[in-house]
């Protein structure tokens, strides 16, 4: 949680309170399988991601980011 003061010359200072987070679901998907993926050529791998939730989005992100897989 981050708290900052907003300065507006027309009125009194206001405090802004907001959350700043990172989604780390993709790390939980990548790390357990990483040693096995490193030993194989990317061209030998096939991936299919089925789902509509956050975990399926994280799985898709892992395949695109770390395995150079295209949509």
PDB file of N, CA and C in Angstrom:
ATOM      1  N   UNK A   1       0.848  -1.162   0.000  1.00  0.00           N
ATOM      2  CA  UNK A   1       0.000   0.000   0.000  1.00  0.00           C
ATOM      3  C   UNK A   1       0.898   1.230   0.000  1.00  0.00           C
ATOM      4  N   UNK A   2       0.552   2.174  -0.833  1.00  0.00           N
ATOM      5  CA  UNK A   2       1.344   3.394  -0.962  1.00  0.00           C
ATOM      6  C   UNK A   2       0.458   4.591  -0.636  1.00  0.00           C
ATOM      7  N   UNK A   3       1.015   5.510   0.134  1.00  0.00           N
ATOM      8  CA  UNK A   3       0.286   6.719   0.499  1.00  0.00           C
ATOM      9  C   UNK A   3       1.105   7.915   0.030  1.00  0.00           C
ATOM     10  N   UNK A   4       0.484   8.763  -0.768  1.00  0.00           N
ATOM     11  CA  UNK A   4       1.157   9.960  -1.272  1.00  0.00           C
ATOM     12  C   UNK A   4       0.277  11.179  -1.071  1.00  0.00           C
ATOM     13  N   UNK A   5       0.945  12.301  -0.983  1.00  0.00           N
ATOM     14  CA  UNK A   5       0.210  13.546  -0.831  1.00  0.00           C
ATOM     15  C   UNK A   5       0.102  14.222  -2.192  1.00  0.00           C
ATOM     16  N   UNK A   6      -1.114  14.569  -2.554  1.00  0.00           N
ATOM     17  CA  UNK A   6      -1.376  15.257  -3.819  1.00  0.00           C
ATOM     18  C   UNK A   6      -1.448  16.749  -3.533  1.00  0.00           C
ATOM     19  N   UNK A   7      -0.635  17.508  -4.241  1.00  0.00           N
ATOM     20  CA  UNK A   7      -0.617  18.960  -4.054  1.00  0.00           C
ATOM     21  C   UNK A   7      -1.433  19.627  -5.147  1.00  0.00           C
ATOM     22  N   UNK A   8      -2.455  20.301  -4.739  1.00  0.00           N
ATOM     23  CA  UNK A   8      -3.282  21.065  -5.664  1.00  0.00           C
ATOM     24  C   UNK A   8      -3.269  22.502  -5.152  1.00  0.00           C
ATOM     25  N   UNK A   9      -2.764  23.399  -5.947  1.00  0.00           N
ATOM     26  CA  UNK A   9      -2.603  24.781  -5.487  1.00  0.00           C
ATOM     27  C   UNK A   9      -3.931  25.466  -5.196  1.00  0.00           C
ATOM     28  N   UNK A  10      -5.007  24.984  -5.776  1.00  0.00           N
ATOM     29  CA  UNK A  10      -6.309  25.617  -5.579  1.00  0.00           C
ATOM     30  C   UNK A  10      -6.963  25.193  -4.267  1.00  0.00           C
ATOM     31  N   UNK A  11      -6.565  24.072  -3.720  1.00  0.00           N
ATOM     32  CA  UNK A  11      -7.205  23.590  -2.492  1.00  0.00           C
ATOM     33  C   UNK A  11      -6.155  23.033  -1.538  1.00  0.00           C
ATOM     34  N   UNK A  12      -6.636  22.497  -0.435  1.00  0.00           N
ATOM     35  CA  UNK A  12      -5.739  21.904   0.554  1.00  0.00           C
ATOM     36  C   UNK A  12      -5.111  20.623   0.000  1.00  0.00           C
ATOM     37  N   UNK A  13      -3.946  20.239   0.506  1.00  0.00           N
ATOM     38  CA  UNK A  13      -3.329  18.983   0.075  1.00  0.00           C
ATOM     39  C   UNK A  13      -4.224  17.785   0.401  1.00  0.00           C
ATOM     40  N   UNK A  14      -4.246  16.820  -0.479  1.00  0.00           N
ATOM     41  CA  UNK A  14      -5.030  15.606  -0.278  1.00  0.00           C
ATOM     42  C   UNK A  14      -4.084  14.414  -0.238  1.00  0.00           C
ATOM     43  N   UNK A  15      -4.489  13.397   0.530  1.00  0.00           N
ATOM     44  CA  UNK A  15      -3.702  12.168   0.595  1.00  0.00           C
ATOM     45  C   UNK A  15      -4.324  11.123  -0.318  1.00  0.00           C
ATOM     46  N   UNK A  16      -3.486  10.509  -1.145  1.00  0.00           N
ATOM     47  CA  UNK A  16      -3.924   9.439  -2.031  1.00  0.00           C
ATOM     48  C   UNK A  16      -3.411   8.117  -1.479  1.00  0.00           C
ATOM     49  N   UNK A  17      -4.288   7.153  -1.408  1.00  0.00           N
ATOM     50  CA  UNK A  17      -3.939   5.835  -0.904  1.00  0.00           C
ATOM     51  C   UNK A  17      -4.265   4.821  -1.989  1.00  0.00           C
ATOM     52  N   UNK A  18      -3.276   4.043  -2.409  1.00  0.00           N
ATOM     53  CA  UNK A  18      -3.528   3.065  -3.467  1.00  0.00           C
ATOM     54  C   UNK A  18      -2.626   1.844  -3.293  1.00  0.00           C
ATOM     55  N   UNK A  19      -3.018   0.756  -3.953  1.00  0.00           N
ATOM     56  CA  UNK A  19      -2.265  -0.498  -3.929  1.00  0.00           C
ATOM     57  C   UNK A  19      -1.393  -0.565  -5.167  1.00  0.00           C
ATOM     58  N   UNK A  20      -0.182  -1.035  -5.001  1.00  0.00           N
ATOM     59  CA  UNK A  20       0.698  -1.297  -6.140  1.00  0.00           C
ATOM     60  C   UNK A  20       1.195  -2.728  -5.986  1.00  0.00           C
ATOM     61  N   UNK A  21       0.791  -3.599  -6.936  1.00  0.00           N
ATOM     62  CA  UNK A  21       1.149  -5.009  -6.839  1.00  0.00           C
ATOM     63  C   UNK A  21       1.572  -5.537  -8.200  1.00  0.00           C
ATOM     64  N   UNK A  22       2.228  -6.678  -8.169  1.00  0.00           N
ATOM     65  CA  UNK A  22       2.578  -7.400  -9.380  1.00  0.00           C
ATOM     66  C   UNK A  22       1.902  -8.755  -9.335  1.00  0.00           C
ATOM     67  N   UNK A  23       1.461  -9.229 -10.480  1.00  0.00           N
ATOM     68  CA  UNK A  23       0.878 -10.560 -10.569  1.00  0.00           C
ATOM     69  C   UNK A  23       2.024 -11.546 -10.746  1.00  0.00           C
ATOM     70  N   UNK A  24       2.178 -12.452  -9.796  1.00  0.00           N
ATOM     71  CA  UNK A  24       3.286 -13.411  -9.838  1.00  0.00           C
ATOM     72  C   UNK A  24       2.805 -14.834 -10.083  1.00  0.00           C
ATOM     73  N   UNK A  25       1.573 -15.002 -10.554  1.00  0.00           N
ATOM     74  CA  UNK A  25       1.070 -16.352 -10.854  1.00  0.00           C
ATOM     75  C   UNK A  25       1.957 -17.064 -11.863  1.00  0.00           C
ATOM     76  N   UNK A  26       2.456 -16.336 -12.837  1.00  0.00           N
ATOM     77  CA  UNK A  26       3.257 -16.951 -13.895  1.00  0.00           C
ATOM     78  C   UNK A  26       4.542 -17.554 -13.352  1.00  0.00           C
ATOM     79  N   UNK A  27       5.100 -16.991 -12.276  1.00  0.00           N
ATOM     80  CA  UNK A  27       6.314 -17.562 -11.680  1.00  0.00           C
ATOM     81  C   UNK A  27       6.039 -18.933 -11.078  1.00  0.00           C
ATOM     82  N   UNK A  28       4.867 -19.105 -10.483  1.00  0.00           N
ATOM     83  CA  UNK A  28       4.491 -20.393  -9.917  1.00  0.00           C
ATOM     84  C   UNK A  28       4.283 -21.460 -10.971  1.00  0.00           C
ATOM     85  N   UNK A  29       3.974 -21.050 -12.173  1.00  0.00           N
ATOM     86  CA  UNK A  29       3.809 -21.997 -13.279  1.00  0.00           C
ATOM     87  C   UNK A  29       5.166 -22.303 -13.912  1.00  0.00           C
ATOM     88  N   UNK A  30       6.013 -21.308 -14.035  1.00  0.00           N
ATOM     89  CA  UNK A  30       7.299 -21.466 -14.705  1.00  0.00           C
ATOM     90  C   UNK A  30       8.306 -22.259 -13.881  1.00  0.00           C
ATOM     91  N   UNK A  31       8.469 -21.941 -12.619  1.00  0.00           N
ATOM     92  CA  UNK A  31       9.562 -22.499 -11.816  1.00  0.00           C
ATOM     93  C   UNK A  31       9.563 -24.021 -11.671  1.00  0.00           C
ATOM     94  N   UNK A  32       8.437 -24.684 -11.403  1.00  0.00           N
ATOM     95  CA  UNK A  32       8.500 -26.149 -11.254  1.00  0.00           C
ATOM     96  C   UNK A  32       8.937 -26.882 -12.524  1.00  0.00           C
ATOM     97  N   UNK A  33       8.594 -26.393 -13.681  1.00  0.00           N
ATOM     98  CA  UNK A  33       8.920 -27.084 -14.921  1.00  0.00           C
ATOM     99  C   UNK A  33      10.158 -26.574 -15.628  1.00  0.00           C
ATOM    100  N   UNK A  34      10.732 -25.493 -15.138  1.00  0.00           N
ATOM    101  CA  UNK A  34      11.841 -24.853 -15.836  1.00  0.00           C
ATOM    102  C   UNK A  34      13.013 -25.785 -16.139  1.00  0.00           C
ATOM    103  N   UNK A  35      13.501 -26.612 -15.203  1.00  0.00           N
ATOM    104  CA  UNK A  35      14.653 -27.477 -15.529  1.00  0.00           C
ATOM    105  C   UNK A  35      14.379 -28.414 -16.706  1.00  0.00           C
ATOM    106  N   UNK A  36      13.159 -28.884 -16.851  1.00  0.00           N
ATOM    107  CA  UNK A  36      12.815 -29.790 -17.940  1.00  0.00           C
ATOM    108  C   UNK A  36      12.740 -29.057 -19.277  1.00  0.00           C
ATOM    109  N   UNK A  37      12.305 -27.807 -19.246  1.00  0.00           N
ATOM    110  CA  UNK A  37      12.173 -27.043 -20.479  1.00  0.00           C
ATOM    111  C   UNK A  37      13.526 -26.620 -21.029  1.00  0.00           C
ATOM    112  N   UNK A  38      14.479 -26.366 -20.138  1.00  0.00           N
ATOM    113  CA  UNK A  38      15.801 -25.909 -20.559  1.00  0.00           C
ATOM    114  C   UNK A  38      16.521 -26.989 -21.361  1.00  0.00           C
ATOM    115  N   UNK A  39      16.280 -28.242 -21.028  1.00  0.00           N
ATOM    116  CA  UNK A  39      16.975 -29.353 -21.674  1.00  0.00           C
ATOM    117  C   UNK A  39      16.428 -29.684 -23.059  1.00  0.00           C
ATOM    118  N   UNK A  40      15.306 -29.104 -23.424  1.00  0.00           N
ATOM    119  CA  UNK A  40      14.688 -29.415 -24.716  1.00  0.00           C
ATOM    120  C   UNK A  40      14.695 -28.188 -25.611  1.00  0.00           C
ATOM    121  N   UNK A  41      14.721 -28.439 -26.894  1.00  0.00           N
ATOM    122  CA  UNK A  41      14.627 -27.356 -27.867  1.00  0.00           C
ATOM    123  C   UNK A  41      13.208 -26.788 -27.843  1.00  0.00           C
ATOM    124  N   UNK A  42      13.092 -25.503 -28.017  1.00  0.00           N
ATOM    125  CA  UNK A  42      11.777 -24.862 -28.031  1.00  0.00           C
ATOM    126  C   UNK A  42      10.926 -25.424 -29.166  1.00  0.00           C
ATOM    127  N   UNK A  43      11.548 -25.812 -30.255  1.00  0.00           N
ATOM    128  CA  UNK A  43      10.811 -26.348 -31.400  1.00  0.00           C
ATOM    129  C   UNK A  43      10.197 -27.713 -31.099  1.00  0.00           C
ATOM    130  N   UNK A  44      10.691 -28.412 -30.065  1.00  0.00           N
ATOM    131  CA  UNK A  44      10.161 -29.724 -29.692  1.00  0.00           C
ATOM    132  C   UNK A  44       8.967 -29.634 -28.748  1.00  0.00           C
ATOM    133  N   UNK A  45       8.650 -28.437 -28.291  1.00  0.00           N
ATOM    134  CA  UNK A  45       7.597 -28.268 -27.291  1.00  0.00           C
ATOM    135  C   UNK A  45       6.279 -27.857 -27.938  1.00  0.00           C
ATOM    136  N   UNK A  46       5.193 -28.374 -27.385  1.00  0.00           N
ATOM    137  CA  UNK A  46       3.851 -27.995 -27.805  1.00  0.00           C
ATOM    138  C   UNK A  46       3.078 -27.599 -26.559  1.00  0.00           C
ATOM    139  N   UNK A  47       2.324 -26.534 -26.653  1.00  0.00           N
ATOM    140  CA  UNK A  47       1.539 -26.082 -25.502  1.00  0.00           C
ATOM    141  C   UNK A  47       0.129 -25.737 -25.950  1.00  0.00           C
ATOM    142  N   UNK A  48      -0.835 -26.103 -25.118  1.00  0.00           N
ATOM    143  CA  UNK A  48      -2.214 -25.678 -25.318  1.00  0.00           C
ATOM    144  C   UNK A  48      -2.721 -25.209 -23.960  1.00  0.00           C
ATOM    145  N   UNK A  49      -3.286 -24.035 -23.943  1.00  0.00           N
ATOM    146  CA  UNK A  49      -3.815 -23.459 -22.705  1.00  0.00           C
ATOM    147  C   UNK A  49      -5.319 -23.350 -22.859  1.00  0.00           C
ATOM    148  N   UNK A  50      -6.048 -24.004 -21.966  1.00  0.00           N
ATOM    149  CA  UNK A  50      -7.507 -23.993 -22.002  1.00  0.00           C
ATOM    150  C   UNK A  50      -7.994 -23.376 -20.699  1.00  0.00           C
ATOM    151  N   UNK A  51      -8.823 -22.358 -20.807  1.00  0.00           N
ATOM    152  CA  UNK A  51      -9.368 -21.730 -19.614  1.00  0.00           C
ATOM    153  C   UNK A  51      -9.691 -20.275 -19.866  1.00  0.00           C
ATOM    154  N   UNK A  52     -10.346 -19.664 -18.885  1.00  0.00           N
ATOM    155  CA  UNK A  52     -10.713 -18.256 -19.020  1.00  0.00           C
ATOM    156  C   UNK A  52     -10.298 -17.438 -17.805  1.00  0.00           C
ATOM    157  N   UNK A  53      -9.717 -18.076 -16.799  1.00  0.00           N
ATOM    158  CA  UNK A  53      -9.376 -17.380 -15.564  1.00  0.00           C
ATOM    159  C   UNK A  53      -7.952 -16.850 -15.545  1.00  0.00           C
ATOM    160  N   UNK A  54      -7.565 -16.352 -14.401  1.00  0.00           N
ATOM    161  CA  UNK A  54      -6.248 -15.761 -14.222  1.00  0.00           C
ATOM    162  C   UNK A  54      -5.106 -16.742 -14.379  1.00  0.00           C
ATOM    163  N   UNK A  55      -5.297 -17.985 -13.938  1.00  0.00           N
ATOM    164  CA  UNK A  55      -4.233 -18.975 -14.059  1.00  0.00           C
ATOM    165  C   UNK A  55      -3.979 -19.334 -15.515  1.00  0.00           C
ATOM    166  N   UNK A  56      -5.025 -19.424 -16.312  1.00  0.00           N
ATOM    167  CA  UNK A  56      -4.819 -19.705 -17.738  1.00  0.00           C
ATOM    168  C   UNK A  56      -4.140 -18.524 -18.427  1.00  0.00           C
ATOM    169  N   UNK A  57      -4.450 -17.321 -18.002  1.00  0.00           N
ATOM    170  CA  UNK A  57      -3.772 -16.147 -18.552  1.00  0.00           C
ATOM    171  C   UNK A  57      -2.293 -16.170 -18.179  1.00  0.00           C
ATOM    172  N   UNK A  58      -1.987 -16.570 -16.935  1.00  0.00           N
ATOM    173  CA  UNK A  58      -0.594 -16.663 -16.499  1.00  0.00           C
ATOM    174  C   UNK A  58       0.146 -17.743 -17.277  1.00  0.00           C
ATOM    175  N   UNK A  59      -0.512 -18.864 -17.546  1.00  0.00           N
ATOM    176  CA  UNK A  59       0.105 -19.941 -18.329  1.00  0.00           C
ATOM    177  C   UNK A  59       0.417 -19.469 -19.737  1.00  0.00           C
ATOM    178  N   UNK A  60      -0.491 -18.749 -20.321  1.00  0.00           N
ATOM    179  CA  UNK A  60      -0.280 -18.206 -21.660  1.00  0.00           C
ATOM    180  C   UNK A  60       0.880 -17.215 -21.662  1.00  0.00           C
ATOM    181  N   UNK A  61       0.960 -16.406 -20.623  1.00  0.00           N
ATOM    182  CA  UNK A  61       2.045 -15.433 -20.495  1.00  0.00           C
ATOM    183  C   UNK A  61       3.396 -16.138 -20.413  1.00  0.00           C
ATOM    184  N   UNK A  62       3.470 -17.222 -19.638  1.00  0.00           N
ATOM    185  CA  UNK A  62       4.721 -17.972 -19.493  1.00  0.00           C
ATOM    186  C   UNK A  62       5.174 -18.525 -20.834  1.00  0.00           C
ATOM    187  N   UNK A  63       4.255 -19.120 -21.577  1.00  0.00           N
ATOM    188  CA  UNK A  63       4.649 -19.717 -22.851  1.00  0.00           C
ATOM    189  C   UNK A  63       5.114 -18.660 -23.844  1.00  0.00           C
ATOM    190  N   UNK A  64       4.483 -17.518 -23.851  1.00  0.00           N
ATOM    191  CA  UNK A  64       4.887 -16.463 -24.786  1.00  0.00           C
ATOM    192  C   UNK A  64       6.181 -15.791 -24.354  1.00  0.00           C
ATOM    193  N   UNK A  65       6.324 -15.529 -23.067  1.00  0.00           N
ATOM    194  CA  UNK A  65       7.482 -14.777 -22.579  1.00  0.00           C
ATOM    195  C   UNK A  65       8.747 -15.622 -22.520  1.00  0.00           C
ATOM    196  N   UNK A  66       8.660 -16.799 -21.939  1.00  0.00           N
ATOM    197  CA  UNK A  66       9.851 -17.578 -21.653  1.00  0.00           C
ATOM    198  C   UNK A  66      10.175 -18.649 -22.683  1.00  0.00           C
ATOM    199  N   UNK A  67       9.215 -19.061 -23.444  1.00  0.00           N
ATOM    200  CA  UNK A  67       9.464 -20.126 -24.409  1.00  0.00           C
ATOM    201  C   UNK A  67       9.403 -19.631 -25.846  1.00  0.00           C
ATOM    202  N   UNK A  68       9.258 -18.338 -26.018  1.00  0.00           N
ATOM    203  CA  UNK A  68       9.193 -17.730 -27.353  1.00  0.00           C
ATOM    204  C   UNK A  68       8.118 -18.364 -28.224  1.00  0.00           C
ATOM    205  N   UNK A  69       6.993 -18.697 -27.628  1.00  0.00           N
ATOM    206  CA  UNK A  69       5.869 -19.284 -28.359  1.00  0.00           C
ATOM    207  C   UNK A  69       4.999 -18.148 -28.859  1.00  0.00           C
ATOM    208  N   UNK A  70       4.532 -18.249 -30.077  1.00  0.00           N
ATOM    209  CA  UNK A  70       3.661 -17.218 -30.642  1.00  0.00           C
ATOM    210  C   UNK A  70       2.213 -17.622 -30.482  1.00  0.00           C
ATOM    211  N   UNK A  71       1.333 -16.632 -30.457  1.00  0.00           N
ATOM    212  CA  UNK A  71      -0.113 -16.884 -30.357  1.00  0.00           C
ATOM    213  C   UNK A  71      -0.611 -17.605 -31.586  1.00  0.00           C
TER     214      UNK A  71
END
